Amino acid sequence: MIAAALLDDYTFRVVALGAAALGATSGALGTFAVLRRQALVGDAISHAALPGIVLAYLVTGARGSLALLVGAAVTGFLAVLLVGAVVRTTRVKADSALGIWLSVFFGVGLVLLTYVQRRPDASQAGLDRFLFGQAATVLREDVWTMAILGAAVLAVLAAAWKQLKVLAFDADFGSTLGLRMRLTEVLLTILLVVAIVIGLQMVGAVLMSAMVVAPAAAARQWTNRLGPMTVLAAAVGAGAGVVGAIVSSEVERLPTGPTIILVATALVALSLLFAPHRGIAVRAVESRVARRRLGLAAVLADLAELERQHGGAAHGHHAATIGVMAEADATVALRELARRGLVVRGPDDAWSLTDRGRTEAARR
């Protein structure tokens, strides 16, 4: 009933479709940012987009999303170029350069936004939605823009897949193959800029970087292959967008953008805990099982050695004696071995190997 009611809600459909398009695009592109350890690039682009939005409004006087997004893309791309220039010409590391330019552009954006909001005309109202995001203001035309630009980004991603794949893992090797890695890096930056700026109205400049990083970080826990990781990151991003839209529509006065980010973060946490072979909880269980298996094998081997030292199988041994060799309490291990039919407990509480147990000990 709730799902049907939500689907009948025009505003919800618009927001959910926009969030899904945004999540799929940013998640797919975020795969390369995460693999290249450039997660902060998304943060720099999203914060650097703010002055571009305000300047675009001051120049054009229009509040249409497309014009403002063009301004955001220009300053976002400019910020990345400046970061690269600083890294190439100075001894400043990439993370420091990103932090510097992120702060500079965002500070300029806040100053310009304050200036615009103090103007006597009221037409500038609403620009601050690009700061923290305001999904309720997203219109059908905005969703079309997001969908078309997102589809274009994914199409370019598919077309340049081979070059981007080499760039993600070994750009120097790609250069030796004659691939234009520098041009590929610029292309990836442009795609990231587009993927980020289309989500500013919905998620906001402050949180948009999480929309790029979180889906890819979650997907990375489930696979070691680039293709499945990219598809899974897009699916996680789209799913977080839709679920976030549903939750925010069910809870009064719950903002959609931050809710989407919280859902994406929850998916990252679940992946970190329960992903096969990598999840913290899964590895803890696997480690415990492995330690238990090794402990059983050690007790079985110690009991076999004791039998050989005492001239045969008829001589049983107490758990305390076996524990001295194993340097641990062997009682629990002996009970488990007995349950498996590998050892038997005599009437005097002495333990000895069964025929099956001797065969298993010899095999080890």
Protein backbone atom coordinates (compact mmCIF):
# COMPACT_ATOMS: atom_id res chain seq x y z
CA MET A 1 0.00 0.00 0.00
CA ILE A 2 2.78 2.41 0.90
CA ALA A 3 4.66 1.67 -2.33
CA ALA A 4 1.53 2.22 -4.40
CA ALA A 5 0.82 5.50 -2.62
CA LEU A 6 4.36 6.69 -3.22
CA LEU A 7 4.24 5.79 -6.89
CA ASP A 8 1.07 7.85 -7.23
CA ASP A 9 2.91 10.86 -5.80
CA TYR A 10 4.28 12.96 -8.66
CA THR A 11 6.88 14.71 -6.50
CA PHE A 12 8.18 11.43 -5.16
CA ARG A 13 8.49 9.96 -8.65
CA VAL A 14 10.47 12.96 -9.84
CA VAL A 15 12.80 12.94 -6.84
CA ALA A 16 13.28 9.16 -6.90
CA LEU A 17 14.09 9.07 -10.62
CA GLY A 18 16.50 11.96 -10.24
CA ALA A 19 18.19 10.32 -7.25
CA ALA A 20 18.49 7.02 -9.12
CA ALA A 21 20.05 8.69 -12.16
CA LEU A 22 22.42 10.64 -9.95
CA GLY A 23 23.39 7.59 -7.89
CA ALA A 24 24.07 5.40 -10.92
CA THR A 25 26.22 8.02 -12.64
CA SER A 26 28.22 9.12 -9.61
CA GLY A 27 28.66 5.54 -8.40
CA ALA A 28 30.07 4.33 -11.70
CA LEU A 29 32.49 7.26 -11.98
CA GLY A 30 33.41 7.00 -8.32
CA THR A 31 34.87 3.55 -9.00
CA PHE A 32 37.83 5.13 -10.77
CA ALA A 33 38.26 7.83 -8.13
CA VAL A 34 38.41 5.19 -5.38
CA LEU A 35 40.75 2.85 -7.27
CA ARG A 36 43.10 5.73 -8.08
CA ARG A 37 43.00 6.88 -4.44
CA GLN A 38 41.64 10.26 -5.50
CA ALA A 39 38.50 10.35 -3.40
CA LEU A 40 39.24 13.95 -2.40
CA VAL A 41 38.99 15.03 -6.04
CA GLY A 42 35.22 14.70 -5.81
CA ASP A 43 35.21 16.80 -2.67
CA ALA A 44 37.28 19.50 -4.37
CA ILE A 45 35.06 19.57 -7.46
CA SER A 46 31.81 19.75 -5.49
CA HIS A 47 33.05 22.58 -3.28
CA ALA A 48 34.65 24.43 -6.17
CA ALA A 49 31.36 24.33 -8.06
CA LEU A 50 29.70 26.80 -5.69
CA PRO A 51 31.39 29.99 -7.00
CA GLY A 52 30.64 28.86 -10.55
CA ILE A 53 26.95 28.60 -9.74
CA VAL A 54 26.81 32.09 -8.25
CA LEU A 55 28.90 33.63 -11.03
CA ALA A 56 26.69 32.01 -13.65
CA TYR A 57 23.68 33.60 -12.00
CA LEU A 58 25.37 37.01 -11.83
CA VAL A 59 26.34 36.85 -15.51
CA THR A 60 23.13 35.43 -16.94
CA GLY A 61 20.59 36.56 -14.35
CA ALA A 62 18.85 33.21 -14.84
CA ARG A 63 18.17 30.50 -12.29
CA GLY A 64 17.73 27.72 -14.82
CA SER A 65 19.54 24.59 -13.82
CA LEU A 66 21.44 24.14 -17.08
CA ALA A 67 23.07 27.58 -16.99
CA LEU A 68 24.04 27.19 -13.35
CA LEU A 69 25.40 23.70 -13.94
CA VAL A 70 27.60 25.00 -16.75
CA GLY A 71 29.05 27.56 -14.36
CA ALA A 72 29.58 24.85 -11.74
CA ALA A 73 31.34 22.63 -14.26
CA VAL A 74 33.70 25.42 -15.34
CA THR A 75 34.92 26.28 -11.84
CA GLY A 76 35.00 22.62 -10.80
CA PHE A 77 37.23 21.74 -13.73
CA LEU A 78 39.34 24.84 -13.10
CA ALA A 79 39.93 23.72 -9.52
CA VAL A 80 41.23 20.33 -10.69
CA LEU A 81 43.55 22.02 -13.20
CA LEU A 82 44.92 24.28 -10.47
CA VAL A 83 45.51 21.32 -8.18
CA GLY A 84 47.45 19.58 -10.94
CA ALA A 85 49.49 22.72 -11.63
CA VAL A 86 50.45 23.05 -7.97
CA VAL A 87 51.47 19.38 -7.72
CA ARG A 88 53.57 19.53 -10.91
CA THR A 89 55.37 22.82 -10.20
CA THR A 90 55.88 22.68 -6.41
CA ARG A 91 56.68 20.20 -3.69
CA VAL A 92 53.15 20.32 -2.33
CA LYS A 93 51.51 16.90 -2.32
CA ALA A 94 48.20 16.22 -4.04
CA ASP A 95 46.15 15.93 -0.84
CA SER A 96 47.49 19.25 0.44
CA ALA A 97 46.83 20.96 -2.89
CA LEU A 98 43.28 19.60 -2.93
CA GLY A 99 42.67 20.89 0.59
CA ILE A 100 44.01 24.33 -0.30
CA TRP A 101 42.00 24.86 -3.46
CA LEU A 102 38.88 23.27 -1.96
CA SER A 103 38.93 25.85 0.83
CA VAL A 104 39.73 28.74 -1.49
CA PHE A 105 36.97 28.04 -3.99
CA PHE A 106 34.40 27.24 -1.32
CA GLY A 107 35.28 30.41 0.56
CA VAL A 108 34.91 32.48 -2.59
CA GLY A 109 31.60 30.79 -3.27
CA LEU A 110 30.26 31.60 0.19
CA VAL A 111 31.33 35.25 -0.16
CA LEU A 112 29.62 35.54 -3.55
CA LEU A 113 26.51 33.78 -2.25
CA THR A 114 26.30 36.18 0.68
CA TYR A 115 26.66 39.13 -1.70
CA VAL A 116 23.90 37.87 -3.98
CA GLN A 117 21.53 37.18 -1.10
CA ARG A 118 21.90 40.76 0.10
CA ARG A 119 20.81 42.25 -3.20
CA PRO A 120 17.46 44.07 -3.09
CA ASP A 121 15.80 41.94 -5.74
CA ALA A 122 14.33 38.69 -4.53
CA SER A 123 15.01 36.70 -7.70
CA GLN A 124 18.24 35.30 -6.34
CA ALA A 125 16.40 33.32 -3.64
CA GLY A 126 17.06 29.61 -3.92
CA LEU A 127 20.73 29.62 -4.91
CA ASP A 128 21.63 28.27 -1.48
CA ARG A 129 19.91 25.00 -2.39
CA PHE A 130 23.11 24.13 -4.21
CA LEU A 131 25.00 24.40 -0.93
CA PHE A 132 23.11 21.79 1.10
CA GLY A 133 20.80 20.38 -1.54
CA GLN A 134 17.03 20.62 -1.75
CA ALA A 135 15.49 17.69 -3.58
CA ALA A 136 11.97 19.11 -3.26
CA THR A 137 12.90 21.86 -5.74
CA VAL A 138 13.92 19.34 -8.42
CA LEU A 139 11.58 19.58 -11.43
CA ARG A 140 10.86 17.18 -14.23
CA GLU A 141 13.08 19.26 -16.53
CA ASP A 142 15.93 18.92 -14.01
CA VAL A 143 15.50 15.16 -13.96
CA TRP A 144 15.64 15.06 -17.76
CA THR A 145 18.85 17.07 -17.63
CA MET A 146 20.33 14.72 -15.04
CA ALA A 147 19.26 11.64 -16.98
CA ILE A 148 20.57 12.86 -20.34
CA LEU A 149 23.89 14.05 -18.96
CA GLY A 150 24.23 10.92 -16.86
CA ALA A 151 23.54 8.69 -19.87
CA ALA A 152 26.11 10.64 -21.89
CA VAL A 153 28.69 10.19 -19.12
CA LEU A 154 28.06 6.45 -18.93
CA ALA A 155 28.22 6.16 -22.74
CA VAL A 156 31.61 7.88 -22.80
CA LEU A 157 32.73 5.67 -19.92
CA ALA A 158 31.83 2.58 -21.93
CA ALA A 159 33.50 3.91 -25.09
CA ALA A 160 36.77 4.73 -23.30
CA TRP A 161 36.67 1.66 -21.06
CA LYS A 162 40.02 0.20 -22.14
CA GLN A 163 41.93 3.44 -21.58
CA LEU A 164 40.21 4.17 -18.28
CA LYS A 165 40.88 0.63 -17.08
CA VAL A 166 44.61 1.03 -17.75
CA LEU A 167 44.58 4.47 -16.12
CA ALA A 168 43.00 3.06 -12.97
CA PHE A 169 45.72 0.47 -12.42
CA ASP A 170 48.95 1.43 -14.23
CA ALA A 171 49.07 4.67 -16.18
CA ASP A 172 52.83 4.35 -16.81
CA PHE A 173 52.32 0.96 -18.45
CA GLY A 174 49.58 2.47 -20.59
CA SER A 175 51.99 5.16 -21.79
CA THR A 176 54.47 2.49 -22.89
CA LEU A 177 51.67 0.93 -24.96
CA GLY A 178 51.17 4.23 -26.78
CA LEU A 179 47.94 5.12 -25.01
CA ARG A 180 47.43 8.81 -24.30
CA MET A 181 47.14 8.57 -20.55
CA ARG A 182 47.26 12.32 -19.96
CA LEU A 183 44.30 12.85 -22.27
CA THR A 184 42.48 9.94 -20.61
CA GLU A 185 43.03 11.53 -17.20
CA VAL A 186 41.57 14.80 -18.44
CA LEU A 187 38.58 12.89 -19.85
CA LEU A 188 38.02 11.16 -16.51
CA THR A 189 38.15 14.52 -14.74
CA ILE A 190 35.55 15.96 -17.12
CA LEU A 191 33.27 12.98 -16.54
CA LEU A 192 33.66 13.36 -12.77
CA VAL A 193 32.85 17.06 -13.02
CA VAL A 194 29.67 16.36 -14.95
CA ALA A 195 28.65 13.54 -12.59
CA ILE A 196 29.10 15.81 -9.59
CA VAL A 197 27.52 19.02 -10.83
CA ILE A 198 24.30 17.30 -11.90
CA GLY A 199 23.77 16.25 -8.28
CA LEU A 200 24.40 19.56 -6.57
CA GLN A 201 20.78 20.64 -6.53
CA MET A 202 19.67 17.36 -4.98
CA VAL A 203 22.51 16.54 -2.55
CA GLY A 204 24.42 19.82 -2.27
CA ALA A 205 28.06 20.80 -2.57
CA VAL A 206 28.82 19.80 1.01
CA LEU A 207 27.69 16.17 0.67
CA MET A 208 28.09 15.44 -3.04
CA SER A 209 31.57 13.95 -2.66
CA ALA A 210 30.08 11.18 -0.50
CA MET A 211 27.73 10.29 -3.35
CA VAL A 212 30.79 9.64 -5.50
CA VAL A 213 32.89 7.73 -2.98
CA ALA A 214 30.38 5.74 -0.89
CA PRO A 215 28.86 3.49 -3.61
CA ALA A 216 32.29 2.64 -5.00
CA ALA A 217 33.68 1.97 -1.52
CA ALA A 218 30.80 -0.40 -0.83
CA ALA A 219 31.17 -2.18 -4.18
CA ARG A 220 34.92 -2.62 -3.67
CA GLN A 221 34.28 -4.94 -0.74
CA TRP A 222 32.33 -7.43 -2.86
CA THR A 223 34.52 -7.95 -5.93
CA ASN A 224 38.07 -7.76 -7.23
CA ARG A 225 37.11 -7.10 -10.86
CA LEU A 226 36.67 -3.64 -12.35
CA GLY A 227 33.64 -4.39 -14.50
CA PRO A 228 31.47 -5.94 -11.78
CA MET A 229 32.65 -3.27 -9.34
CA THR A 230 31.55 -0.47 -11.66
CA VAL A 231 28.13 -2.04 -12.25
CA LEU A 232 27.67 -2.78 -8.55
CA ALA A 233 28.71 0.76 -7.57
CA ALA A 234 26.14 2.17 -10.00
CA ALA A 235 23.48 -0.14 -8.54
CA VAL A 236 24.39 0.80 -4.96
CA GLY A 237 24.25 4.50 -5.84
CA ALA A 238 20.88 4.17 -7.56
CA GLY A 239 19.52 2.04 -4.72
CA ALA A 240 20.68 4.51 -2.09
CA GLY A 241 19.01 7.32 -4.03
CA VAL A 242 15.66 5.56 -4.27
CA VAL A 243 15.68 4.28 -0.67
CA GLY A 244 16.71 7.70 0.60
CA ALA A 245 13.86 9.29 -1.32
CA ILE A 246 11.39 6.77 0.14
CA VAL A 247 12.59 7.29 3.72
CA SER A 248 12.54 11.09 3.46
CA SER A 249 9.04 11.02 2.00
CA GLU A 250 7.78 8.86 4.88
CA VAL A 251 9.30 10.98 7.65
CA GLU A 252 8.10 14.53 8.00
CA ARG A 253 10.70 17.27 7.48
CA LEU A 254 13.49 14.81 6.76
CA PRO A 255 15.73 16.26 4.02
CA THR A 256 16.21 13.99 1.04
CA GLY A 257 19.85 14.73 0.19
CA PRO A 258 21.33 13.95 3.61
CA THR A 259 19.06 10.92 3.89
CA ILE A 260 20.43 9.54 0.62
CA ILE A 261 23.96 9.98 1.92
CA LEU A 262 23.07 8.24 5.19
CA VAL A 263 21.60 5.30 3.29
CA ALA A 264 24.73 5.08 1.13
CA THR A 265 26.87 5.21 4.27
CA ALA A 266 24.81 2.43 5.83
CA LEU A 267 25.43 0.29 2.74
CA VAL A 268 29.16 0.96 3.07
CA ALA A 269 29.04 -0.11 6.72
CA LEU A 270 27.16 -3.31 5.86
CA SER A 271 29.67 -4.07 3.12
CA LEU A 272 32.62 -3.47 5.43
CA LEU A 273 31.09 -5.86 7.95
CA PHE A 274 29.57 -8.64 5.88
CA ALA A 275 31.18 -8.73 2.41
CA PRO A 276 32.55 -12.24 1.66
CA HIS A 277 36.25 -12.66 2.50
CA ARG A 278 36.68 -8.93 3.23
CA GLY A 279 33.98 -8.06 5.72
CA ILE A 280 35.22 -7.45 9.24
CA ALA A 281 32.60 -9.72 10.80
CA VAL A 282 33.10 -12.39 8.13
CA ARG A 283 36.87 -12.35 8.58
CA ALA A 284 36.46 -12.57 12.34
CA VAL A 285 34.28 -15.66 11.96
CA GLU A 286 36.65 -17.20 9.41
CA SER A 287 39.62 -16.50 11.67
CA ARG A 288 37.86 -18.10 14.63
CA VAL A 289 36.98 -21.16 12.56
CA ALA A 290 40.56 -21.42 11.31
CA ARG A 291 41.98 -21.15 14.82
CA ARG A 292 39.56 -23.80 16.02
CA ARG A 293 40.51 -26.09 13.13
CA LEU A 294 44.21 -25.64 13.86
CA GLY A 295 43.61 -26.29 17.56
CA LEU A 296 41.81 -29.55 16.81
CA ALA A 297 44.55 -30.63 14.44
CA ALA A 298 47.22 -29.81 17.05
CA VAL A 299 45.48 -31.83 19.77
CA LEU A 300 45.00 -34.75 17.38
CA ALA A 301 48.68 -34.68 16.43
CA ASP A 302 49.77 -34.38 20.09
CA LEU A 303 47.66 -37.36 21.07
CA ALA A 304 49.15 -39.42 18.22
CA GLU A 305 52.67 -38.46 19.32
CA LEU A 306 51.92 -39.43 22.92
CA GLU A 307 50.70 -42.83 21.78
CA ARG A 308 53.89 -43.39 19.81
CA GLN A 309 56.02 -42.36 22.78
CA HIS A 310 54.19 -44.78 25.10
CA GLY A 311 54.34 -47.79 22.86
CA GLY A 312 50.91 -48.04 21.34
CA ALA A 313 47.24 -47.21 21.23
CA ALA A 314 46.25 -48.98 24.43
CA HIS A 315 47.75 -46.23 26.54
CA GLY A 316 45.33 -43.36 27.08
CA HIS A 317 46.22 -39.88 28.26
CA HIS A 318 44.48 -37.34 30.43
CA ALA A 319 43.40 -33.96 29.10
CA ALA A 320 45.87 -32.17 31.37
CA THR A 321 48.79 -34.06 29.83
CA ILE A 322 47.64 -33.31 26.32
CA GLY A 323 47.07 -29.69 27.29
CA VAL A 324 50.70 -29.34 28.38
CA MET A 325 51.85 -30.26 24.88
CA ALA A 326 49.23 -28.05 23.22
CA GLU A 327 49.95 -25.18 25.66
CA ALA A 328 46.20 -24.75 26.14
CA ASP A 329 43.20 -26.41 27.73
CA ALA A 330 42.56 -29.42 25.53
CA THR A 331 39.24 -30.45 27.09
CA VAL A 332 36.99 -28.60 24.63
CA ALA A 333 39.03 -29.80 21.64
CA LEU A 334 38.93 -33.39 22.86
CA ARG A 335 35.16 -33.28 23.24
CA GLU A 336 34.82 -31.95 19.70
CA LEU A 337 37.15 -34.66 18.39
CA ALA A 338 35.12 -37.25 20.27
CA ARG A 339 31.94 -35.92 18.70
CA ARG A 340 33.55 -36.46 15.31
CA GLY A 341 34.56 -40.00 16.22
CA LEU A 342 38.32 -39.32 16.15
CA VAL A 343 39.05 -39.93 19.87
CA VAL A 344 37.40 -41.90 22.64
CA ARG A 345 37.28 -41.29 26.38
CA GLY A 346 38.12 -44.21 28.65
CA PRO A 347 36.62 -45.01 32.04
CA ASP A 348 39.56 -43.39 33.84
CA ASP A 349 39.05 -40.12 31.92
CA ALA A 350 42.01 -40.97 29.68
CA TRP A 351 41.69 -40.12 25.99
CA SER A 352 42.91 -42.25 23.11
CA LEU A 353 42.65 -42.23 19.35
CA THR A 354 40.13 -44.29 17.45
CA ASP A 355 41.19 -46.10 14.30
CA ARG A 356 39.65 -43.31 12.31
CA GLY A 357 41.51 -40.78 14.43
CA ARG A 358 44.87 -42.49 13.77
CA THR A 359 44.17 -42.45 10.06
CA GLU A 360 43.31 -38.74 10.21
CA ALA A 361 46.42 -37.97 12.28
CA ALA A 362 48.64 -39.87 9.85
CA ARG A 363 47.13 -37.98 6.94
CA ARG A 364 48.01 -34.64 8.53
